[in-house]
Every structure is written in structure tokens, then in C-alpha cells.
Amino acid sequence: MLHEQIEHKRARRNKVRLKPDSFSDIIFGLALSIGSLILIQNRVLVWQSFVANILLFGFSFAVIAMVWLSFSETMRYLSTEVSSVVLLNLMLFFCVVLEPYLFYTLINSNGQLSIVTSDVFALDLGFMFFVLGTLASIVVKEAKRYHPNYHSNDLTLLQKMIYPRYILAALFLLSVDPFLWVSTLLPAPFDHLRFILWTSSLAVFLVYYMKVSIFHTEKKLNSKANPKNVVMTNGNHEKSLVENTIGNLQNAVLTESRKVGNNQEEKVQKN
């Protein structure tokens, strides 16, 4: 009886992992394909335009790559029992596919159309990183409930990236302010203050992610080099699990005995 309850709890914790979804891979691949097709349609007459097109495609590729890395890192530990993330995933996929079209429309537009397109592009990226932060917070909460071992090791990187994602989302959403649509003396694509904010925010986010990722990898390698700590942690966790199960069984037995005693007292009083 006790062994079956322990195995049931183990199986429930192991359900936190989710297999990679092929639909998400298709969505991100489609977004990159749209950017490539738009880039092919642009006619190149001088080498400066050739270099500029590659740099612009690299910017769009970097955005999609960062979103894909964040999404993959999150979905690795997301529970299949959480149904609220389905709508978030669909909205994220829509924004991902829309990003290349908005970006290349922005760089090829002039006047009022460029202002409107830049606003929609900022809202699109801001919403993407907001969804990524929300998904990460849901995963951390689920891990605390069902899989505490992941919370102490594998989810460290994900937990540290929740607030940076929200901050990056807030910067993109706040960049819609018309004050940031101010011309600068720098050449394109840094000819407006809004574009400088975008590129600098993404660069800082990428540097912070790489720093945290490298630190997390080194810490994980050090923990593997000293397996005694892992054995002690697993042993303490199994010991606490057994103690909690025994305590629950004792409370159940005590409750049943009290019910039997109360029933006997009621029968004696009736007689």
C-alpha cells in the first residue's frame, strides 16, 4: 500500500515533462521562410543594398531565434495538465508568423505608414515577450507543486528569465509613445530613437541570457562533478516523501478510529 502511493507520486511528478510539439517547429520555420521570401523579392542594384538586406534579415532572424529559444526552454518542463497555456501558445504563434511581414513592411514604408507599422511591430514583439514571461511563471508554479527537484536545478535559468522577459515586453510596449519617434543624426536603421531602443534592449537581453546560461551550465557541471550532493538530496527527498505518506496514513487511521468511537457512543446513548 505504502509502496504504491510512493510510485503514484513519482509518476505524477514525472508528468511535468512535455514532449516537443512539431507544430511549434513548423510555426517558427514558417516565420523564417516568410522572411527569406520577402528578402528574395527585394532587388539589389548596389553592394550597399546587398549588405543592408543581410543585416536586416539578421535582425529579424535574431528576434525569431530568441523567441524560439525562450519558448523551447519553457515548454521542456510544462505540464500537460495545464490547459490555460493553449490559448497563449496560439497567440504567440500568430505574433511570430506576423513578425517578418511587419518588419519588412516597416523598412520599406514611408511617412504615416512607417509610424503605424512601427507601432504594430512594437506591440507584436512586446506581446510575444509578455506571453513568454507568463508561460515561464506558470511552469515555475507547476514545478513547485509537482516536481521540486526541477525547481532546485533545471528551472534555475527559467526562473531568472521571467522578470527580464516582462521588462523587455514593457520596453517594446512603451516604445509606442510618439515621443520616441524622433529623428536622430545617425544613419538608417538608427535614424529614429525608437529603433535605438529596440536594438539596445534586445542586445542587453541577449547578453544577460548568455551570462545566466553560462553560469547555470558551470554550476550544473560542478554539481555533476560532486555526485555526493545529488545522492544526499535525492535521499532526503525520498525520506521526506515516505515520512509524509506514513503521517497521512496515521492521520487516516486516527480519523477512522474516532469515527468508530463516536458511532459506538451514539449507540450506547440510544440504548
C-alpha atoms as a PDB file:
ATOM      1  CA  MET A   1       0.000   0.000   0.000  1.00  0.00           C
ATOM      2  CA  LEU A   2       2.707   2.442   1.011  1.00  0.00           C
ATOM      3  CA  HIS A   3       4.877   1.468  -1.962  1.00  0.00           C
ATOM      4  CA  GLU A   4       2.003   2.030  -4.400  1.00  0.00           C
ATOM      5  CA  GLN A   5       1.349   5.538  -3.082  1.00  0.00           C
ATOM      6  CA  ILE A   6       5.038   6.457  -3.435  1.00  0.00           C
ATOM      7  CA  GLU A   7       5.115   5.170  -7.023  1.00  0.00           C
ATOM      8  CA  HIS A   8       1.926   7.112  -7.803  1.00  0.00           C
ATOM      9  CA  LYS A   9       3.506  10.360  -6.602  1.00  0.00           C
ATOM     10  CA  ARG A  10       6.649   9.666  -8.623  1.00  0.00           C
ATOM     11  CA  ALA A  11       4.601   9.112 -11.774  1.00  0.00           C
ATOM     12  CA  ARG A  12       2.671  12.315 -11.166  1.00  0.00           C
ATOM     13  CA  ARG A  13       5.860  14.345 -10.825  1.00  0.00           C
ATOM     14  CA  ASN A  14       7.337  12.837 -13.981  1.00  0.00           C
ATOM     15  CA  LYS A  15       4.299  14.012 -15.964  1.00  0.00           C
ATOM     16  CA  VAL A  16       5.653  17.571 -15.759  1.00  0.00           C
ATOM     17  CA  ARG A  17       7.849  16.978 -18.837  1.00  0.00           C
ATOM     18  CA  LEU A  18       6.237  17.604 -22.195  1.00  0.00           C
ATOM     19  CA  LYS A  19       7.470  16.198 -25.493  1.00  0.00           C
ATOM     20  CA  PRO A  20       8.433  18.796 -28.131  1.00  0.00           C
ATOM     21  CA  ASP A  21       5.496  19.795 -30.282  1.00  0.00           C
ATOM     22  CA  SER A  22       6.119  19.556 -34.028  1.00  0.00           C
ATOM     23  CA  PHE A  23       3.502  22.255 -34.631  1.00  0.00           C
ATOM     24  CA  SER A  24       5.686  24.865 -32.911  1.00  0.00           C
ATOM     25  CA  ASP A  25       8.670  23.886 -35.075  1.00  0.00           C
ATOM     26  CA  ILE A  26       6.538  24.378 -38.176  1.00  0.00           C
ATOM     27  CA  ILE A  27       5.439  27.822 -36.990  1.00  0.00           C
ATOM     28  CA  PHE A  28       8.970  29.095 -36.343  1.00  0.00           C
ATOM     29  CA  GLY A  29      10.199  27.559 -39.596  1.00  0.00           C
ATOM     30  CA  LEU A  30       7.360  29.286 -41.452  1.00  0.00           C
ATOM     31  CA  ALA A  31       8.292  32.639 -39.896  1.00  0.00           C
ATOM     32  CA  LEU A  32      11.872  32.303 -41.108  1.00  0.00           C
ATOM     33  CA  SER A  33      10.668  31.203 -44.543  1.00  0.00           C
ATOM     34  CA  ILE A  34       8.452  34.279 -44.856  1.00  0.00           C
ATOM     35  CA  GLY A  35      11.437  36.495 -44.087  1.00  0.00           C
ATOM     36  CA  SER A  36      13.545  34.716 -46.689  1.00  0.00           C
ATOM     37  CA  LEU A  37      10.861  35.031 -49.382  1.00  0.00           C
ATOM     38  CA  ILE A  38      10.438  38.748 -48.721  1.00  0.00           C
ATOM     39  CA  LEU A  39      14.214  39.174 -48.872  1.00  0.00           C
ATOM     40  CA  ILE A  40      14.367  37.413 -52.258  1.00  0.00           C
ATOM     41  CA  GLN A  41      11.798  39.808 -53.733  1.00  0.00           C
ATOM     42  CA  ASN A  42      13.972  42.841 -52.932  1.00  0.00           C
ATOM     43  CA  ARG A  43      16.024  43.725 -55.987  1.00  0.00           C
ATOM     44  CA  VAL A  44      19.675  44.532 -55.291  1.00  0.00           C
ATOM     45  CA  LEU A  45      21.403  47.087 -57.534  1.00  0.00           C
ATOM     46  CA  VAL A  46      24.446  48.049 -55.450  1.00  0.00           C
ATOM     47  CA  TRP A  47      26.530  46.222 -52.890  1.00  0.00           C
ATOM     48  CA  GLN A  48      25.387  48.568 -50.113  1.00  0.00           C
ATOM     49  CA  SER A  49      21.816  47.335 -50.560  1.00  0.00           C
ATOM     50  CA  PHE A  50      23.061  43.760 -50.524  1.00  0.00           C
ATOM     51  CA  VAL A  51      24.784  44.236 -47.161  1.00  0.00           C
ATOM     52  CA  ALA A  52      21.824  46.177 -45.750  1.00  0.00           C
ATOM     53  CA  ASN A  53      19.384  43.389 -46.684  1.00  0.00           C
ATOM     54  CA  ILE A  54      21.557  40.787 -44.949  1.00  0.00           C
ATOM     55  CA  LEU A  55      21.769  42.909 -41.784  1.00  0.00           C
ATOM     56  CA  LEU A  56      18.020  43.485 -41.759  1.00  0.00           C
ATOM     57  CA  PHE A  57      17.323  39.786 -42.239  1.00  0.00           C
ATOM     58  CA  GLY A  58      19.811  39.070 -39.436  1.00  0.00           C
ATOM     59  CA  PHE A  59      17.847  41.338 -37.092  1.00  0.00           C
ATOM     60  CA  SER A  60      14.555  39.574 -37.871  1.00  0.00           C
ATOM     61  CA  PHE A  61      16.277  36.194 -37.564  1.00  0.00           C
ATOM     62  CA  ALA A  62      17.717  37.167 -34.146  1.00  0.00           C
ATOM     63  CA  VAL A  63      14.264  38.104 -32.857  1.00  0.00           C
ATOM     64  CA  ILE A  64      12.718  34.811 -34.006  1.00  0.00           C
ATOM     65  CA  ALA A  65      15.696  32.863 -32.633  1.00  0.00           C
ATOM     66  CA  MET A  66      15.421  34.477 -29.176  1.00  0.00           C
ATOM     67  CA  VAL A  67      11.700  33.791 -29.032  1.00  0.00           C
ATOM     68  CA  TRP A  68      12.248  30.188 -30.133  1.00  0.00           C
ATOM     69  CA  LEU A  69      14.970  29.613 -27.512  1.00  0.00           C
ATOM     70  CA  SER A  70      12.782  31.074 -24.773  1.00  0.00           C
ATOM     71  CA  PHE A  71       9.751  29.078 -25.893  1.00  0.00           C
ATOM     72  CA  SER A  72      11.691  25.798 -26.128  1.00  0.00           C
ATOM     73  CA  GLU A  73      13.269  26.310 -22.707  1.00  0.00           C
ATOM     74  CA  THR A  74       9.822  26.883 -21.241  1.00  0.00           C
ATOM     75  CA  MET A  75       7.951  24.045 -22.945  1.00  0.00           C
ATOM     76  CA  ARG A  76      10.505  21.462 -21.811  1.00  0.00           C
ATOM     77  CA  TYR A  77       9.010  21.427 -18.320  1.00  0.00           C
ATOM     78  CA  LEU A  78       5.402  22.457 -18.951  1.00  0.00           C
ATOM     79  CA  SER A  79       2.780  20.041 -17.580  1.00  0.00           C
ATOM     80  CA  THR A  80       0.276  18.524 -19.986  1.00  0.00           C
ATOM     81  CA  GLU A  81      -2.420  19.084 -17.356  1.00  0.00           C
ATOM     82  CA  VAL A  82      -2.193  22.877 -17.723  1.00  0.00           C
ATOM     83  CA  SER A  83      -4.864  23.779 -20.283  1.00  0.00           C
ATOM     84  CA  SER A  84      -4.637  27.571 -19.948  1.00  0.00           C
ATOM     85  CA  VAL A  85      -1.400  27.717 -21.948  1.00  0.00           C
ATOM     86  CA  VAL A  86      -3.023  26.507 -25.171  1.00  0.00           C
ATOM     87  CA  LEU A  87      -4.526  29.918 -25.923  1.00  0.00           C
ATOM     88  CA  LEU A  88      -1.266  31.647 -25.015  1.00  0.00           C
ATOM     89  CA  ASN A  89       0.642  29.380 -27.394  1.00  0.00           C
ATOM     90  CA  LEU A  90      -1.752  30.106 -30.253  1.00  0.00           C
ATOM     91  CA  MET A  91      -1.483  33.866 -29.741  1.00  0.00           C
ATOM     92  CA  LEU A  92       2.300  33.577 -29.548  1.00  0.00           C
ATOM     93  CA  PHE A  93       2.426  31.610 -32.808  1.00  0.00           C
ATOM     94  CA  PHE A  94       0.274  34.230 -34.520  1.00  0.00           C
ATOM     95  CA  CYS A  95       2.626  37.025 -33.439  1.00  0.00           C
ATOM     96  CA  VAL A  96       5.673  35.006 -34.503  1.00  0.00           C
ATOM     97  CA  VAL A  97       4.341  34.456 -38.032  1.00  0.00           C
ATOM     98  CA  LEU A  98       3.289  38.117 -38.270  1.00  0.00           C
ATOM     99  CA  GLU A  99       6.703  39.486 -37.215  1.00  0.00           C
ATOM    100  CA  PRO A 100       8.584  39.123 -40.563  1.00  0.00           C
ATOM    101  CA  TYR A 101       5.763  40.762 -42.526  1.00  0.00           C
ATOM    102  CA  LEU A 102       5.564  43.710 -40.126  1.00  0.00           C
ATOM    103  CA  PHE A 103       9.332  44.142 -40.065  1.00  0.00           C
ATOM    104  CA  TYR A 104       9.826  44.196 -43.836  1.00  0.00           C
ATOM    105  CA  THR A 105       6.764  46.419 -44.289  1.00  0.00           C
ATOM    106  CA  LEU A 106       8.322  48.813 -41.787  1.00  0.00           C
ATOM    107  CA  ILE A 107      11.673  49.095 -43.553  1.00  0.00           C
ATOM    108  CA  ASN A 108      10.001  49.579 -46.963  1.00  0.00           C
ATOM    109  CA  SER A 109       7.377  52.150 -45.898  1.00  0.00           C
ATOM    110  CA  ASN A 110       7.484  55.937 -45.626  1.00  0.00           C
ATOM    111  CA  GLY A 111       5.540  58.693 -43.924  1.00  0.00           C
ATOM    112  CA  GLN A 112       2.492  57.890 -41.825  1.00  0.00           C
ATOM    113  CA  LEU A 113       2.549  54.219 -42.848  1.00  0.00           C
ATOM    114  CA  SER A 114       6.002  53.744 -41.296  1.00  0.00           C
ATOM    115  CA  ILE A 115       4.768  55.204 -37.993  1.00  0.00           C
ATOM    116  CA  VAL A 116       1.720  52.931 -37.876  1.00  0.00           C
ATOM    117  CA  THR A 117       3.751  49.887 -38.885  1.00  0.00           C
ATOM    118  CA  SER A 118       6.395  50.585 -36.233  1.00  0.00           C
ATOM    119  CA  ASP A 119       3.663  50.862 -33.599  1.00  0.00           C
ATOM    120  CA  VAL A 120       2.170  47.499 -34.588  1.00  0.00           C
ATOM    121  CA  PHE A 121       5.633  45.925 -34.744  1.00  0.00           C
ATOM    122  CA  ALA A 122       6.433  47.158 -31.217  1.00  0.00           C
ATOM    123  CA  LEU A 123       3.118  45.812 -29.917  1.00  0.00           C
ATOM    124  CA  ASP A 124       3.769  42.483 -31.636  1.00  0.00           C
ATOM    125  CA  LEU A 125       7.198  41.991 -30.041  1.00  0.00           C
ATOM    126  CA  GLY A 126       6.044  43.295 -26.688  1.00  0.00           C
ATOM    127  CA  PHE A 127       3.163  40.839 -26.593  1.00  0.00           C
ATOM    128  CA  MET A 128       5.449  37.946 -27.597  1.00  0.00           C
ATOM    129  CA  PHE A 129       7.833  38.513 -24.700  1.00  0.00           C
ATOM    130  CA  PHE A 130       4.915  39.108 -22.327  1.00  0.00           C
ATOM    131  CA  VAL A 131       3.482  35.688 -23.260  1.00  0.00           C
ATOM    132  CA  LEU A 132       6.914  34.087 -22.801  1.00  0.00           C
ATOM    133  CA  GLY A 133       7.195  35.585 -19.319  1.00  0.00           C
ATOM    134  CA  THR A 134       3.700  34.384 -18.424  1.00  0.00           C
ATOM    135  CA  LEU A 135       4.441  30.858 -19.654  1.00  0.00           C
ATOM    136  CA  ALA A 136       7.657  30.776 -17.620  1.00  0.00           C
ATOM    137  CA  SER A 137       5.838  31.843 -14.450  1.00  0.00           C
ATOM    138  CA  ILE A 138       3.216  29.115 -14.983  1.00  0.00           C
ATOM    139  CA  VAL A 139       5.929  26.485 -15.428  1.00  0.00           C
ATOM    140  CA  VAL A 140       7.720  27.531 -12.235  1.00  0.00           C
ATOM    141  CA  LYS A 141       4.479  27.361 -10.240  1.00  0.00           C
ATOM    142  CA  GLU A 142       3.680  23.916 -11.630  1.00  0.00           C
ATOM    143  CA  ALA A 143       7.205  22.696 -10.867  1.00  0.00           C
ATOM    144  CA  LYS A 144       6.930  23.834  -7.252  1.00  0.00           C
ATOM    145  CA  ARG A 145       3.739  21.801  -6.897  1.00  0.00           C
ATOM    146  CA  TYR A 146       4.645  18.567  -8.696  1.00  0.00           C
ATOM    147  CA  HIS A 147       8.398  18.378  -9.244  1.00  0.00           C
ATOM    148  CA  PRO A 148      10.519  20.102  -6.555  1.00  0.00           C
ATOM    149  CA  ASN A 149      13.779  18.631  -7.905  1.00  0.00           C
ATOM    150  CA  TYR A 150      13.423  20.641 -11.115  1.00  0.00           C
ATOM    151  CA  HIS A 151      12.837  23.797  -9.097  1.00  0.00           C
ATOM    152  CA  SER A 152      16.234  23.454  -7.424  1.00  0.00           C
ATOM    153  CA  ASN A 153      18.259  22.569 -10.549  1.00  0.00           C
ATOM    154  CA  ASP A 154      16.843  22.616 -14.066  1.00  0.00           C
ATOM    155  CA  LEU A 155      14.432  25.533 -13.647  1.00  0.00           C
ATOM    156  CA  THR A 156      17.001  27.959 -12.234  1.00  0.00           C
ATOM    157  CA  LEU A 157      17.674  29.543 -15.615  1.00  0.00           C
ATOM    158  CA  LEU A 158      13.988  29.762 -16.468  1.00  0.00           C
ATOM    159  CA  GLN A 159      13.110  31.366 -13.142  1.00  0.00           C
ATOM    160  CA  LYS A 160      15.807  34.027 -13.569  1.00  0.00           C
ATOM    161  CA  MET A 161      14.467  34.950 -17.016  1.00  0.00           C
ATOM    162  CA  ILE A 162      10.870  35.675 -16.001  1.00  0.00           C
ATOM    163  CA  TYR A 163      11.311  39.313 -14.994  1.00  0.00           C
ATOM    164  CA  PRO A 164      13.753  40.176 -17.844  1.00  0.00           C
ATOM    165  CA  ARG A 165      11.107  38.977 -20.309  1.00  0.00           C
ATOM    166  CA  TYR A 166       8.482  41.175 -18.665  1.00  0.00           C
ATOM    167  CA  ILE A 167      10.874  44.136 -18.674  1.00  0.00           C
ATOM    168  CA  LEU A 168      11.682  43.647 -22.369  1.00  0.00           C
ATOM    169  CA  ALA A 169       7.969  43.382 -23.135  1.00  0.00           C
ATOM    170  CA  ALA A 170       7.305  46.618 -21.237  1.00  0.00           C
ATOM    171  CA  LEU A 171      10.048  48.449 -23.162  1.00  0.00           C
ATOM    172  CA  PHE A 172       8.572  47.434 -26.509  1.00  0.00           C
ATOM    173  CA  LEU A 173       5.048  48.330 -25.427  1.00  0.00           C
ATOM    174  CA  LEU A 174       6.169  51.711 -24.067  1.00  0.00           C
ATOM    175  CA  SER A 175       8.082  52.463 -27.271  1.00  0.00           C
ATOM    176  CA  VAL A 176       4.723  53.099 -28.947  1.00  0.00           C
ATOM    177  CA  ASP A 177       4.862  56.552 -27.336  1.00  0.00           C
ATOM    178  CA  PRO A 178       5.078  59.160 -30.141  1.00  0.00           C
ATOM    179  CA  PHE A 179       7.895  60.892 -28.244  1.00  0.00           C
ATOM    180  CA  LEU A 180      10.249  58.052 -29.216  1.00  0.00           C
ATOM    181  CA  TRP A 181       9.528  58.623 -32.912  1.00  0.00           C
ATOM    182  CA  VAL A 182      12.220  61.287 -33.010  1.00  0.00           C
ATOM    183  CA  SER A 183      14.743  61.545 -35.810  1.00  0.00           C
ATOM    184  CA  THR A 184      18.411  61.236 -34.942  1.00  0.00           C
ATOM    185  CA  LEU A 185      21.585  62.146 -36.773  1.00  0.00           C
ATOM    186  CA  LEU A 186      22.591  58.504 -37.130  1.00  0.00           C
ATOM    187  CA  PRO A 187      22.251  56.578 -40.401  1.00  0.00           C
ATOM    188  CA  ALA A 188      19.495  54.041 -41.016  1.00  0.00           C
ATOM    189  CA  PRO A 189      18.277  51.894 -39.334  1.00  0.00           C
ATOM    190  CA  PHE A 190      19.205  54.021 -36.292  1.00  0.00           C
ATOM    191  CA  ASP A 191      17.639  57.186 -37.699  1.00  0.00           C
ATOM    192  CA  HIS A 192      14.900  57.167 -35.032  1.00  0.00           C
ATOM    193  CA  LEU A 193      15.095  56.924 -31.259  1.00  0.00           C
ATOM    194  CA  ARG A 194      12.582  54.065 -31.239  1.00  0.00           C
ATOM    195  CA  PHE A 195      14.882  51.848 -33.306  1.00  0.00           C
ATOM    196  CA  ILE A 196      17.807  52.520 -30.974  1.00  0.00           C
ATOM    197  CA  LEU A 197      15.665  51.470 -28.004  1.00  0.00           C
ATOM    198  CA  TRP A 198      14.686  48.231 -29.744  1.00  0.00           C
ATOM    199  CA  THR A 199      18.170  47.150 -30.718  1.00  0.00           C
ATOM    200  CA  SER A 200      19.761  48.116 -27.396  1.00  0.00           C
ATOM    201  CA  SER A 201      17.045  46.330 -25.395  1.00  0.00           C
ATOM    202  CA  LEU A 202      17.382  43.135 -27.422  1.00  0.00           C
ATOM    203  CA  ALA A 203      21.188  43.275 -27.155  1.00  0.00           C
ATOM    204  CA  VAL A 204      21.090  43.683 -23.362  1.00  0.00           C
ATOM    205  CA  PHE A 205      18.546  40.876 -23.067  1.00  0.00           C
ATOM    206  CA  LEU A 206      20.705  38.558 -25.193  1.00  0.00           C
ATOM    207  CA  VAL A 207      23.863  39.346 -23.196  1.00  0.00           C
ATOM    208  CA  TYR A 208      22.050  38.751 -19.900  1.00  0.00           C
ATOM    209  CA  TYR A 209      20.610  35.466 -21.187  1.00  0.00           C
ATOM    210  CA  MET A 210      24.039  34.229 -22.291  1.00  0.00           C
ATOM    211  CA  LYS A 211      25.585  35.258 -18.966  1.00  0.00           C
ATOM    212  CA  VAL A 212      22.946  33.469 -16.905  1.00  0.00           C
ATOM    213  CA  SER A 213      23.043  30.439 -19.211  1.00  0.00           C
ATOM    214  CA  ILE A 214      26.836  30.091 -18.949  1.00  0.00           C
ATOM    215  CA  PHE A 215      26.735  30.494 -15.161  1.00  0.00           C
ATOM    216  CA  HIS A 216      23.937  27.922 -14.915  1.00  0.00           C
ATOM    217  CA  THR A 217      25.862  25.457 -17.109  1.00  0.00           C
ATOM    218  CA  GLU A 218      29.013  25.785 -14.993  1.00  0.00           C
ATOM    219  CA  LYS A 219      27.001  25.288 -11.816  1.00  0.00           C
ATOM    220  CA  LYS A 220      25.337  22.201 -13.267  1.00  0.00           C
ATOM    221  CA  LEU A 221      28.703  20.726 -14.288  1.00  0.00           C
ATOM    222  CA  ASN A 222      30.071  21.320 -10.790  1.00  0.00           C
ATOM    223  CA  SER A 223      27.083  19.540  -9.274  1.00  0.00           C
ATOM    224  CA  LYS A 224      27.670  16.564 -11.570  1.00  0.00           C
ATOM    225  CA  ALA A 225      31.343  16.508 -10.585  1.00  0.00           C
ATOM    226  CA  ASN A 226      30.284  16.087  -6.938  1.00  0.00           C
ATOM    227  CA  PRO A 227      27.623  13.328  -7.006  1.00  0.00           C
ATOM    228  CA  LYS A 228      27.503  13.105  -3.204  1.00  0.00           C
ATOM    229  CA  ASN A 229      25.329  16.210  -3.042  1.00  0.00           C
ATOM    230  CA  VAL A 230      22.924  14.755  -5.589  1.00  0.00           C
ATOM    231  CA  VAL A 231      22.671  11.472  -3.686  1.00  0.00           C
ATOM    232  CA  MET A 232      22.072  13.270  -0.409  1.00  0.00           C
ATOM    233  CA  THR A 233      19.407  15.481  -1.989  1.00  0.00           C
ATOM    234  CA  ASN A 234      17.572  12.541  -3.537  1.00  0.00           C
ATOM    235  CA  GLY A 235      17.850  10.572  -0.294  1.00  0.00           C
ATOM    236  CA  ASN A 236      16.422  13.417   1.756  1.00  0.00           C
ATOM    237  CA  HIS A 237      13.603  13.878  -0.733  1.00  0.00           C
ATOM    238  CA  GLU A 238      12.661  10.179  -0.656  1.00  0.00           C
ATOM    239  CA  LYS A 239      12.882  10.177   3.138  1.00  0.00           C
ATOM    240  CA  SER A 240      10.557  13.164   3.413  1.00  0.00           C
ATOM    241  CA  LEU A 241       8.177  11.565   0.920  1.00  0.00           C
ATOM    242  CA  VAL A 242       7.987   8.361   2.990  1.00  0.00           C
ATOM    243  CA  GLU A 243       7.532  10.329   6.207  1.00  0.00           C
ATOM    244  CA  ASN A 244       4.698  12.365   4.693  1.00  0.00           C
ATOM    245  CA  THR A 245       2.987   9.221   3.413  1.00  0.00           C
ATOM    246  CA  ILE A 246       3.271   7.491   6.790  1.00  0.00           C
ATOM    247  CA  GLY A 247       1.926  10.598   8.511  1.00  0.00           C
ATOM    248  CA  ASN A 248      -1.057  10.710   6.163  1.00  0.00           C
ATOM    249  CA  LEU A 249      -1.812   7.044   6.824  1.00  0.00           C
ATOM    250  CA  GLN A 250      -1.586   7.563  10.585  1.00  0.00           C
ATOM    251  CA  ASN A 251      -3.963  10.525  10.381  1.00  0.00           C
ATOM    252  CA  ALA A 252      -6.401   8.456   8.312  1.00  0.00           C
ATOM    253  CA  VAL A 253      -6.318   5.589  10.829  1.00  0.00           C
ATOM    254  CA  LEU A 254      -6.783   8.012  13.719  1.00  0.00           C
ATOM    255  CA  THR A 255      -9.741   9.646  11.987  1.00  0.00           C
ATOM    256  CA  GLU A 256     -11.419   6.292  11.309  1.00  0.00           C
ATOM    257  CA  SER A 257     -10.913   5.178  14.917  1.00  0.00           C
ATOM    258  CA  ARG A 258     -12.514   8.395  16.148  1.00  0.00           C
ATOM    259  CA  LYS A 259     -15.484   7.847  13.854  1.00  0.00           C
ATOM    260  CA  VAL A 260     -15.920   4.281  15.182  1.00  0.00           C
ATOM    261  CA  GLY A 261     -15.723   5.527  18.758  1.00  0.00           C
ATOM    262  CA  ASN A 262     -18.300   8.233  18.109  1.00  0.00           C
ATOM    263  CA  ASN A 263     -20.661   5.721  16.495  1.00  0.00           C
ATOM    264  CA  GLN A 264     -20.371   3.382  19.481  1.00  0.00           C
ATOM    265  CA  GLU A 265     -21.087   6.241  21.903  1.00  0.00           C
ATOM    266  CA  GLU A 266     -24.164   7.224  19.895  1.00  0.00           C
ATOM    267  CA  LYS A 267     -25.448   3.627  20.009  1.00  0.00           C
ATOM    268  CA  VAL A 268     -24.897   3.444  23.779  1.00  0.00           C
ATOM    269  CA  GLN A 269     -26.762   6.707  24.323  1.00  0.00           C
ATOM    270  CA  LYS A 270     -29.690   5.500  22.185  1.00  0.00           C
ATOM    271  CA  ASN A 271     -29.911   2.221  24.152  1.00  0.00           C
END
